[in-house]
Amino acid sequence: MKLIFLGSSFSIVWYMRYHKIVRRSYDKDQDTFRHYILILPCLILALLINEKFTFKEVMWTFSLYLEAVAILPQLVLLQRTRNIDNLTGQYVFLLG
């Protein structure tokens, strides 16, 4: 099951980065969210608050914290572009 999840995640990322049509829809000027603002606090929290201080446990905790805030760049981008249709708004609402 984990391999299916990883495979589908990698294929979605590849599709977004390298597919001709999808790649053209990316607006780099609007996407200026500094992602390290999310990554660094999540890593620090994972180092401080975890079950056991092992590499696997810290990385698992880091992934949980990062998953909780991963929607923020999308929300900021939607707010900047003011291009929120009904389906996009419902999608983001259900993710959050």
C-alpha atoms as a PDB file:
ATOM      1  CA  MET A   1       0.000   0.000   0.000  1.00  0.00           C
ATOM      2  CA  LYS A   2       2.844   2.373   0.856  1.00  0.00           C
ATOM      3  CA  LEU A   3       4.454   1.702  -2.532  1.00  0.00           C
ATOM      4  CA  ILE A   4       1.216   2.602  -4.314  1.00  0.00           C
ATOM      5  CA  PHE A   5       1.004   5.850  -2.346  1.00  0.00           C
ATOM      6  CA  LEU A   6       4.638   6.740  -3.101  1.00  0.00           C
ATOM      7  CA  GLY A   7       4.294   5.795  -6.759  1.00  0.00           C
ATOM      8  CA  SER A   8       1.171   7.875  -7.238  1.00  0.00           C
ATOM      9  CA  SER A   9       2.747  10.830  -5.401  1.00  0.00           C
ATOM     10  CA  PHE A  10       5.860  10.739  -7.586  1.00  0.00           C
ATOM     11  CA  SER A  11       3.780  10.406 -10.748  1.00  0.00           C
ATOM     12  CA  ILE A  12       1.641  13.421  -9.785  1.00  0.00           C
ATOM     13  CA  VAL A  13       4.735  15.519  -9.094  1.00  0.00           C
ATOM     14  CA  TRP A  14       6.289  14.411 -12.400  1.00  0.00           C
ATOM     15  CA  TYR A  15       3.066  15.243 -14.236  1.00  0.00           C
ATOM     16  CA  MET A  16       2.916  18.713 -12.701  1.00  0.00           C
ATOM     17  CA  ARG A  17       6.568  19.484 -13.471  1.00  0.00           C
ATOM     18  CA  TYR A  18       7.105  17.957 -16.920  1.00  0.00           C
ATOM     19  CA  HIS A  19       3.789  17.551 -18.767  1.00  0.00           C
ATOM     20  CA  LYS A  20       3.564  20.180 -21.536  1.00  0.00           C
ATOM     21  CA  ILE A  21       0.034  21.417 -20.920  1.00  0.00           C
ATOM     22  CA  VAL A  22       0.054  21.307 -17.127  1.00  0.00           C
ATOM     23  CA  ARG A  23       3.479  22.949 -16.911  1.00  0.00           C
ATOM     24  CA  ARG A  24       2.236  25.948 -18.917  1.00  0.00           C
ATOM     25  CA  SER A  25      -0.511  26.612 -16.368  1.00  0.00           C
ATOM     26  CA  TYR A  26       2.043  27.302 -13.601  1.00  0.00           C
ATOM     27  CA  ASP A  27       2.405  31.016 -12.796  1.00  0.00           C
ATOM     28  CA  LYS A  28       5.821  31.560 -11.245  1.00  0.00           C
ATOM     29  CA  ASP A  29       5.210  35.273 -10.639  1.00  0.00           C
ATOM     30  CA  GLN A  30       2.288  34.567  -8.311  1.00  0.00           C
ATOM     31  CA  ASP A  31       3.888  31.599  -6.535  1.00  0.00           C
ATOM     32  CA  THR A  32       6.264  33.433  -4.203  1.00  0.00           C
ATOM     33  CA  PHE A  33       5.528  31.602  -0.955  1.00  0.00           C
ATOM     34  CA  ARG A  34       8.763  30.951   0.922  1.00  0.00           C
ATOM     35  CA  HIS A  35       8.410  27.273   1.734  1.00  0.00           C
ATOM     36  CA  TYR A  36      11.332  27.199   4.159  1.00  0.00           C
ATOM     37  CA  ILE A  37       9.174  29.237   6.532  1.00  0.00           C
ATOM     38  CA  LEU A  38       7.101  26.069   6.927  1.00  0.00           C
ATOM     39  CA  ILE A  39       9.843  23.455   6.720  1.00  0.00           C
ATOM     40  CA  LEU A  40      12.186  24.817   9.370  1.00  0.00           C
ATOM     41  CA  PRO A  41       9.613  25.178  12.199  1.00  0.00           C
ATOM     42  CA  CYS A  42       8.217  21.719  11.417  1.00  0.00           C
ATOM     43  CA  LEU A  43      11.697  20.233  11.633  1.00  0.00           C
ATOM     44  CA  ILE A  44      12.434  22.011  14.910  1.00  0.00           C
ATOM     45  CA  LEU A  45       9.112  20.861  16.364  1.00  0.00           C
ATOM     46  CA  ALA A  46       9.811  17.307  15.224  1.00  0.00           C
ATOM     47  CA  LEU A  47      13.182  17.392  16.962  1.00  0.00           C
ATOM     48  CA  LEU A  48      11.633  18.709  20.177  1.00  0.00           C
ATOM     49  CA  ILE A  49       8.287  16.908  20.305  1.00  0.00           C
ATOM     50  CA  ASN A  50       8.371  13.227  19.398  1.00  0.00           C
ATOM     51  CA  GLU A  51       7.754   9.804  20.910  1.00  0.00           C
ATOM     52  CA  LYS A  52      11.357   8.546  20.817  1.00  0.00           C
ATOM     53  CA  PHE A  53      14.450  10.330  19.606  1.00  0.00           C
ATOM     54  CA  THR A  54      15.273   8.037  16.700  1.00  0.00           C
ATOM     55  CA  PHE A  55      15.778   9.054  13.078  1.00  0.00           C
ATOM     56  CA  LYS A  56      12.686   7.206  11.890  1.00  0.00           C
ATOM     57  CA  GLU A  57      10.472   8.672  14.620  1.00  0.00           C
ATOM     58  CA  VAL A  58      11.721  12.230  14.098  1.00  0.00           C
ATOM     59  CA  MET A  59      11.190  11.998  10.326  1.00  0.00           C
ATOM     60  CA  TRP A  60       7.716  10.536  10.805  1.00  0.00           C
ATOM     61  CA  THR A  61       6.808  13.335  13.230  1.00  0.00           C
ATOM     62  CA  PHE A  62       8.274  15.898  10.807  1.00  0.00           C
ATOM     63  CA  SER A  63       6.097  14.529   8.007  1.00  0.00           C
ATOM     64  CA  LEU A  64       2.989  14.813  10.195  1.00  0.00           C
ATOM     65  CA  TYR A  65       3.707  18.428  11.078  1.00  0.00           C
ATOM     66  CA  LEU A  66       4.558  19.285   7.479  1.00  0.00           C
ATOM     67  CA  GLU A  67       1.397  17.620   6.202  1.00  0.00           C
ATOM     68  CA  ALA A  68      -0.654  19.753   8.581  1.00  0.00           C
ATOM     69  CA  VAL A  69       0.647  23.014   7.083  1.00  0.00           C
ATOM     70  CA  ALA A  70       1.147  21.912   3.465  1.00  0.00           C
ATOM     71  CA  ILE A  71      -2.094  23.559   2.336  1.00  0.00           C
ATOM     72  CA  LEU A  72      -0.885  27.060   3.277  1.00  0.00           C
ATOM     73  CA  PRO A  73       1.047  27.766   0.027  1.00  0.00           C
ATOM     74  CA  GLN A  74      -2.046  26.841  -1.988  1.00  0.00           C
ATOM     75  CA  LEU A  75      -4.232  29.100   0.123  1.00  0.00           C
ATOM     76  CA  VAL A  76      -1.823  32.017  -0.283  1.00  0.00           C
ATOM     77  CA  LEU A  77      -1.652  31.479  -4.050  1.00  0.00           C
ATOM     78  CA  LEU A  78      -5.438  31.343  -4.333  1.00  0.00           C
ATOM     79  CA  GLN A  79      -5.731  34.521  -2.286  1.00  0.00           C
ATOM     80  CA  ARG A  80      -3.210  36.363  -4.483  1.00  0.00           C
ATOM     81  CA  THR A  81      -4.704  35.342  -7.795  1.00  0.00           C
ATOM     82  CA  ARG A  82      -8.312  35.844  -6.680  1.00  0.00           C
ATOM     83  CA  ASN A  83      -9.141  33.018  -9.084  1.00  0.00           C
ATOM     84  CA  ILE A  84     -11.281  30.798  -6.894  1.00  0.00           C
ATOM     85  CA  ASP A  85     -13.974  28.882  -8.693  1.00  0.00           C
ATOM     86  CA  ASN A  86     -16.497  26.699  -6.902  1.00  0.00           C
ATOM     87  CA  LEU A  87     -14.631  23.413  -7.377  1.00  0.00           C
ATOM     88  CA  THR A  88     -11.284  24.844  -6.239  1.00  0.00           C
ATOM     89  CA  GLY A  89     -12.804  26.395  -3.142  1.00  0.00           C
ATOM     90  CA  GLN A  90     -14.498  23.143  -2.162  1.00  0.00           C
ATOM     91  CA  TYR A  91     -11.312  21.160  -2.832  1.00  0.00           C
ATOM     92  CA  VAL A  92      -9.202  23.389  -0.595  1.00  0.00           C
ATOM     93  CA  PHE A  93     -11.898  23.449   2.086  1.00  0.00           C
ATOM     94  CA  LEU A  94     -12.094  19.651   2.163  1.00  0.00           C
ATOM     95  CA  LEU A  95      -8.296  19.338   2.293  1.00  0.00           C
ATOM     96  CA  GLY A  96      -8.043  21.697   5.253  1.00  0.00           C
END
